[in-house]
Amino acid sequence: FTLAVNDRFQATITSGQTEYQVNGV
């Protein structure tokens, strides 16, 4: 899986065709 975080601490978790967005701190 791949985890990417933007400047607003929002994480995008990607695996195959599945993508989650999770709010971080």
PDB file of all heavy atoms in Angstrom:
ATOM      1  N   PHE A   1       0.852  -1.191   0.000  1.00  0.00           N
ATOM      2  CA  PHE A   1       0.000   0.000   0.000  1.00  0.00           C
ATOM      3  C   PHE A   1       0.886   1.239   0.000  1.00  0.00           C
ATOM      4  O   PHE A   1       2.066   1.186   0.371  1.00  0.00           O
ATOM      5  CB  PHE A   1      -0.962   0.019   1.195  1.00  0.00           C
ATOM      6  CG  PHE A   1      -0.312   0.293   2.521  1.00  0.00           C
ATOM      7  CD1 PHE A   1      -0.178   1.592   3.020  1.00  0.00           C
ATOM      8  CD2 PHE A   1       0.175  -0.749   3.301  1.00  0.00           C
ATOM      9  CE1 PHE A   1       0.412   1.842   4.240  1.00  0.00           C
ATOM     10  CE2 PHE A   1       0.786  -0.507   4.526  1.00  0.00           C
ATOM     11  CZ  PHE A   1       0.904   0.786   5.001  1.00  0.00           C
ATOM     12  N   THR A   2       0.311   2.345  -0.419  1.00  0.00           N
ATOM     13  CA  THR A   2       1.000   3.628  -0.444  1.00  0.00           C
ATOM     14  C   THR A   2       0.272   4.604   0.464  1.00  0.00           C
ATOM     15  O   THR A   2      -0.963   4.673   0.444  1.00  0.00           O
ATOM     16  CB  THR A   2       1.065   4.204  -1.867  1.00  0.00           C
ATOM     17  OG1 THR A   2       1.789   3.299  -2.697  1.00  0.00           O
ATOM     18  CG2 THR A   2       1.757   5.564  -1.891  1.00  0.00           C
ATOM     19  N   LEU A   3       1.019   5.336   1.276  1.00  0.00           N
ATOM     20  CA  LEU A   3       0.435   6.351   2.142  1.00  0.00           C
ATOM     21  C   LEU A   3       1.062   7.690   1.793  1.00  0.00           C
ATOM     22  O   LEU A   3       2.284   7.839   1.802  1.00  0.00           O
ATOM     23  CB  LEU A   3       0.680   6.017   3.622  1.00  0.00           C
ATOM     24  CG  LEU A   3      -0.107   6.858   4.648  1.00  0.00           C
ATOM     25  CD1 LEU A   3      -0.359   6.050   5.917  1.00  0.00           C
ATOM     26  CD2 LEU A   3       0.634   8.138   5.029  1.00  0.00           C
ATOM     27  N   ALA A   4       0.206   8.654   1.441  1.00  0.00           N
ATOM     28  CA  ALA A   4       0.663  10.002   1.092  1.00  0.00           C
ATOM     29  C   ALA A   4      -0.045  11.013   1.982  1.00  0.00           C
ATOM     30  O   ALA A   4      -1.244  10.881   2.262  1.00  0.00           O
ATOM     31  CB  ALA A   4       0.377  10.304  -0.380  1.00  0.00           C
ATOM     32  N   VAL A   5       0.671  12.046   2.427  1.00  0.00           N
ATOM     33  CA  VAL A   5       0.119  13.052   3.333  1.00  0.00           C
ATOM     34  C   VAL A   5       0.331  14.429   2.725  1.00  0.00           C
ATOM     35  O   VAL A   5       1.434  14.756   2.268  1.00  0.00           O
ATOM     36  CB  VAL A   5       0.806  12.972   4.715  1.00  0.00           C
ATOM     37  CG1 VAL A   5       0.275  14.063   5.648  1.00  0.00           C
ATOM     38  CG2 VAL A   5       0.590  11.596   5.342  1.00  0.00           C
ATOM     39  N   ASN A   6      -0.731  15.258   2.727  1.00  0.00           N
ATOM     40  CA  ASN A   6      -0.596  16.617   2.197  1.00  0.00           C
ATOM     41  C   ASN A   6      -0.290  17.614   3.318  1.00  0.00           C
ATOM     42  O   ASN A   6      -0.140  17.233   4.487  1.00  0.00           O
ATOM     43  CB  ASN A   6      -1.854  17.022   1.419  1.00  0.00           C
ATOM     44  CG  ASN A   6      -3.105  17.074   2.303  1.00  0.00           C
ATOM     45  OD1 ASN A   6      -3.023  17.213   3.524  1.00  0.00           O
ATOM     46  ND2 ASN A   6      -4.269  16.973   1.679  1.00  0.00           N
ATOM     47  N   ASP A   7      -0.237  18.875   2.985  1.00  0.00           N
ATOM     48  CA  ASP A   7       0.144  19.909   3.947  1.00  0.00           C
ATOM     49  C   ASP A   7      -0.884  20.112   5.048  1.00  0.00           C
ATOM     50  O   ASP A   7      -0.581  20.710   6.085  1.00  0.00           O
ATOM     51  CB  ASP A   7       0.374  21.248   3.223  1.00  0.00           C
ATOM     52  CG  ASP A   7       1.578  21.196   2.289  1.00  0.00           C
ATOM     53  OD1 ASP A   7       2.438  20.311   2.507  1.00  0.00           O
ATOM     54  OD2 ASP A   7       1.648  22.022   1.362  1.00  0.00           O
ATOM     55  N   ARG A   8      -2.111  19.641   4.822  1.00  0.00           N
ATOM     56  CA  ARG A   8      -3.175  19.795   5.823  1.00  0.00           C
ATOM     57  C   ARG A   8      -3.318  18.535   6.683  1.00  0.00           C
ATOM     58  O   ARG A   8      -4.321  18.363   7.367  1.00  0.00           O
ATOM     59  CB  ARG A   8      -4.500  20.118   5.131  1.00  0.00           C
ATOM     60  CG  ARG A   8      -4.480  21.417   4.335  1.00  0.00           C
ATOM     61  CD  ARG A   8      -5.847  21.767   3.776  1.00  0.00           C
ATOM     62  NE  ARG A   8      -6.382  20.718   2.919  1.00  0.00           N
ATOM     63  CZ  ARG A   8      -6.050  20.554   1.635  1.00  0.00           C
ATOM     64  NH1 ARG A   8      -5.174  21.376   1.063  1.00  0.00           N
ATOM     65  NH2 ARG A   8      -6.590  19.585   0.918  1.00  0.00           N
ATOM     66  N   PHE A   9      -2.326  17.662   6.619  1.00  0.00           N
ATOM     67  CA  PHE A   9      -2.293  16.413   7.382  1.00  0.00           C
ATOM     68  C   PHE A   9      -3.481  15.512   7.064  1.00  0.00           C
ATOM     69  O   PHE A   9      -4.055  14.874   7.943  1.00  0.00           O
ATOM     70  CB  PHE A   9      -2.192  16.689   8.889  1.00  0.00           C
ATOM     71  CG  PHE A   9      -0.942  17.438   9.255  1.00  0.00           C
ATOM     72  CD1 PHE A   9      -1.014  18.778   9.590  1.00  0.00           C
ATOM     73  CD2 PHE A   9       0.299  16.833   9.225  1.00  0.00           C
ATOM     74  CE1 PHE A   9       0.138  19.501   9.906  1.00  0.00           C
ATOM     75  CE2 PHE A   9       1.451  17.551   9.527  1.00  0.00           C
ATOM     76  CZ  PHE A   9       1.385  18.873   9.874  1.00  0.00           C
ATOM     77  N   GLN A  10      -3.820  15.491   5.795  1.00  0.00           N
ATOM     78  CA  GLN A  10      -4.803  14.517   5.305  1.00  0.00           C
ATOM     79  C   GLN A  10      -4.025  13.392   4.626  1.00  0.00           C
ATOM     80  O   GLN A  10      -3.195  13.631   3.743  1.00  0.00           O
ATOM     81  CB  GLN A  10      -5.772  15.161   4.316  1.00  0.00           C
ATOM     82  CG  GLN A  10      -6.731  16.150   4.961  1.00  0.00           C
ATOM     83  CD  GLN A  10      -7.635  16.810   3.934  1.00  0.00           C
ATOM     84  OE1 GLN A  10      -7.175  17.174   2.854  1.00  0.00           O
ATOM     85  NE2 GLN A  10      -8.908  16.954   4.267  1.00  0.00           N
ATOM     86  N   ALA A  11      -4.309  12.161   5.030  1.00  0.00           N
ATOM     87  CA  ALA A  11      -3.595  11.003   4.508  1.00  0.00           C
ATOM     88  C   ALA A  11      -4.433  10.295   3.457  1.00  0.00           C
ATOM     89  O   ALA A  11      -5.633  10.084   3.647  1.00  0.00           O
ATOM     90  CB  ALA A  11      -3.255  10.042   5.637  1.00  0.00           C
ATOM     91  N   THR A  12      -3.799   9.936   2.351  1.00  0.00           N
ATOM     92  CA  THR A  12      -4.444   9.136   1.321  1.00  0.00           C
ATOM     93  C   THR A  12      -3.764   7.769   1.300  1.00  0.00           C
ATOM     94  O   THR A  12      -2.543   7.671   1.100  1.00  0.00           O
ATOM     95  CB  THR A  12      -4.315   9.799  -0.061  1.00  0.00           C
ATOM     96  OG1 THR A  12      -4.923  11.089  -0.015  1.00  0.00           O
ATOM     97  CG2 THR A  12      -4.999   8.957  -1.128  1.00  0.00           C
ATOM     98  N   ILE A  13      -4.548   6.719   1.540  1.00  0.00           N
ATOM     99  CA  ILE A  13      -4.041   5.348   1.587  1.00  0.00           C
ATOM    100  C   ILE A  13      -4.542   4.621   0.342  1.00  0.00           C
ATOM    101  O   ILE A  13      -5.759   4.522   0.132  1.00  0.00           O
ATOM    102  CB  ILE A  13      -4.517   4.624   2.865  1.00  0.00           C
ATOM    103  CG1 ILE A  13      -4.103   5.431   4.108  1.00  0.00           C
ATOM    104  CG2 ILE A  13      -3.960   3.212   2.921  1.00  0.00           C
ATOM    105  CD1 ILE A  13      -4.817   5.019   5.375  1.00  0.00           C
ATOM    106  N   THR A  14      -3.615   4.118  -0.460  1.00  0.00           N
ATOM    107  CA  THR A  14      -3.963   3.504  -1.733  1.00  0.00           C
ATOM    108  C   THR A  14      -3.412   2.082  -1.800  1.00  0.00           C
ATOM    109  O   THR A  14      -2.250   1.837  -1.454  1.00  0.00           O
ATOM    110  CB  THR A  14      -3.382   4.302  -2.910  1.00  0.00           C
ATOM    111  OG1 THR A  14      -3.756   5.678  -2.764  1.00  0.00           O
ATOM    112  CG2 THR A  14      -3.898   3.782  -4.238  1.00  0.00           C
ATOM    113  N   SER A  15      -4.280   1.165  -2.244  1.00  0.00           N
ATOM    114  CA  SER A  15      -3.859  -0.219  -2.470  1.00  0.00           C
ATOM    115  C   SER A  15      -4.704  -0.778  -3.604  1.00  0.00           C
ATOM    116  O   SER A  15      -5.922  -0.926  -3.463  1.00  0.00           O
ATOM    117  CB  SER A  15      -4.048  -1.063  -1.200  1.00  0.00           C
ATOM    118  OG  SER A  15      -3.655  -2.396  -1.421  1.00  0.00           O
ATOM    119  N   GLY A  16      -4.060  -1.051  -4.752  1.00  0.00           N
ATOM    120  CA  GLY A  16      -4.824  -1.481  -5.916  1.00  0.00           C
ATOM    121  C   GLY A  16      -5.801  -0.404  -6.327  1.00  0.00           C
ATOM    122  O   GLY A  16      -5.433   0.766  -6.506  1.00  0.00           O
ATOM    123  N   GLN A  17      -7.069  -0.777  -6.473  1.00  0.00           N
ATOM    124  CA  GLN A  17      -8.120   0.166  -6.866  1.00  0.00           C
ATOM    125  C   GLN A  17      -8.796   0.829  -5.667  1.00  0.00           C
ATOM    126  O   GLN A  17      -9.720   1.620  -5.830  1.00  0.00           O
ATOM    127  CB  GLN A  17      -9.184  -0.564  -7.705  1.00  0.00           C
ATOM    128  CG  GLN A  17      -8.644  -1.208  -8.969  1.00  0.00           C
ATOM    129  CD  GLN A  17      -7.981  -0.180  -9.870  1.00  0.00           C
ATOM    130  OE1 GLN A  17      -8.545   0.865 -10.180  1.00  0.00           O
ATOM    131  NE2 GLN A  17      -6.746  -0.482 -10.291  1.00  0.00           N
ATOM    132  N   THR A  18      -8.325   0.490  -4.453  1.00  0.00           N
ATOM    133  CA  THR A  18      -8.939   1.025  -3.228  1.00  0.00           C
ATOM    134  C   THR A  18      -8.185   2.255  -2.750  1.00  0.00           C
ATOM    135  O   THR A  18      -6.948   2.265  -2.728  1.00  0.00           O
ATOM    136  CB  THR A  18      -8.927  -0.044  -2.117  1.00  0.00           C
ATOM    137  OG1 THR A  18      -9.609  -1.205  -2.585  1.00  0.00           O
ATOM    138  CG2 THR A  18      -9.601   0.478  -0.856  1.00  0.00           C
ATOM    139  N   GLU A  19      -8.954   3.293  -2.365  1.00  0.00           N
ATOM    140  CA  GLU A  19      -8.336   4.519  -1.855  1.00  0.00           C
ATOM    141  C   GLU A  19      -9.128   5.048  -0.674  1.00  0.00           C
ATOM    142  O   GLU A  19     -10.348   5.214  -0.753  1.00  0.00           O
ATOM    143  CB  GLU A  19      -8.264   5.576  -2.959  1.00  0.00           C
ATOM    144  CG  GLU A  19      -7.583   6.876  -2.506  1.00  0.00           C
ATOM    145  CD  GLU A  19      -7.475   7.893  -3.637  1.00  0.00           C
ATOM    146  OE1 GLU A  19      -6.709   7.632  -4.579  1.00  0.00           O
ATOM    147  OE2 GLU A  19      -8.174   8.926  -3.567  1.00  0.00           O
ATOM    148  N   TYR A  20      -8.442   5.261   0.423  1.00  0.00           N
ATOM    149  CA  TYR A  20      -9.040   5.865   1.621  1.00  0.00           C
ATOM    150  C   TYR A  20      -8.413   7.231   1.844  1.00  0.00           C
ATOM    151  O   TYR A  20      -7.234   7.444   1.562  1.00  0.00           O
ATOM    152  CB  TYR A  20      -8.751   5.022   2.869  1.00  0.00           C
ATOM    153  CG  TYR A  20      -9.561   3.762   3.037  1.00  0.00           C
ATOM    154  CD1 TYR A  20      -9.080   2.543   2.560  1.00  0.00           C
ATOM    155  CD2 TYR A  20     -10.778   3.781   3.707  1.00  0.00           C
ATOM    156  CE1 TYR A  20      -9.801   1.375   2.747  1.00  0.00           C
ATOM    157  CE2 TYR A  20     -11.507   2.614   3.893  1.00  0.00           C
ATOM    158  CZ  TYR A  20     -11.013   1.416   3.417  1.00  0.00           C
ATOM    159  OH  TYR A  20     -11.730   0.266   3.596  1.00  0.00           O
ATOM    160  N   GLN A  21      -9.215   8.128   2.377  1.00  0.00           N
ATOM    161  CA  GLN A  21      -8.688   9.409   2.858  1.00  0.00           C
ATOM    162  C   GLN A  21      -9.013   9.529   4.344  1.00  0.00           C
ATOM    163  O   GLN A  21     -10.160   9.360   4.756  1.00  0.00           O
ATOM    164  CB  GLN A  21      -9.287  10.581   2.078  1.00  0.00           C
ATOM    165  CG  GLN A  21      -8.763  10.666   0.650  1.00  0.00           C
ATOM    166  CD  GLN A  21      -9.096  11.989  -0.014  1.00  0.00           C
ATOM    167  OE1 GLN A  21     -10.011  12.688   0.417  1.00  0.00           O
ATOM    168  NE2 GLN A  21      -8.349  12.325  -1.061  1.00  0.00           N
ATOM    169  N   VAL A  22      -7.969   9.799   5.126  1.00  0.00           N
ATOM    170  CA  VAL A  22      -8.110   9.837   6.582  1.00  0.00           C
ATOM    171  C   VAL A  22      -7.526  11.147   7.100  1.00  0.00           C
ATOM    172  O   VAL A  22      -6.420  11.547   6.699  1.00  0.00           O
ATOM    173  CB  VAL A  22      -7.376   8.646   7.241  1.00  0.00           C
ATOM    174  CG1 VAL A  22      -7.546   8.686   8.761  1.00  0.00           C
ATOM    175  CG2 VAL A  22      -7.878   7.317   6.689  1.00  0.00           C
ATOM    176  N   ASN A  23      -8.256  11.800   7.988  1.00  0.00           N
ATOM    177  CA  ASN A  23      -7.771  13.036   8.601  1.00  0.00           C
ATOM    178  C   ASN A  23      -6.784  12.723   9.714  1.00  0.00           C
ATOM    179  O   ASN A  23      -7.087  11.952  10.636  1.00  0.00           O
ATOM    180  CB  ASN A  23      -8.931  13.860   9.154  1.00  0.00           C
ATOM    181  CG  ASN A  23      -9.850  14.360   8.058  1.00  0.00           C
ATOM    182  OD1 ASN A  23      -9.392  14.642   6.948  1.00  0.00           O
ATOM    183  ND2 ASN A  23     -11.132  14.469   8.355  1.00  0.00           N
ATOM    184  N   GLY A  24      -5.609  13.329   9.633  1.00  0.00           N
ATOM    185  CA  GLY A  24      -4.585  13.128  10.648  1.00  0.00           C
ATOM    186  C   GLY A  24      -4.390  14.345  11.514  1.00  0.00           C
ATOM    187  O   GLY A  24      -5.153  15.316  11.453  1.00  0.00           O
ATOM    188  N   VAL A  25      -3.342  14.303  12.347  1.00  0.00           N
ATOM    189  CA  VAL A  25      -3.044  15.363  13.306  1.00  0.00           C
ATOM    190  C   VAL A  25      -1.574  15.741  13.139  1.00  0.00           C
ATOM    191  O   VAL A  25      -0.723  14.900  12.821  1.00  0.00           O
ATOM    192  CB  VAL A  25      -3.321  14.894  14.750  1.00  0.00           C
ATOM    193  CG1 VAL A  25      -2.969  15.986  15.757  1.00  0.00           C
ATOM    194  CG2 VAL A  25      -4.778  14.476  14.907  1.00  0.00           C
TER     195      VAL A  25
END
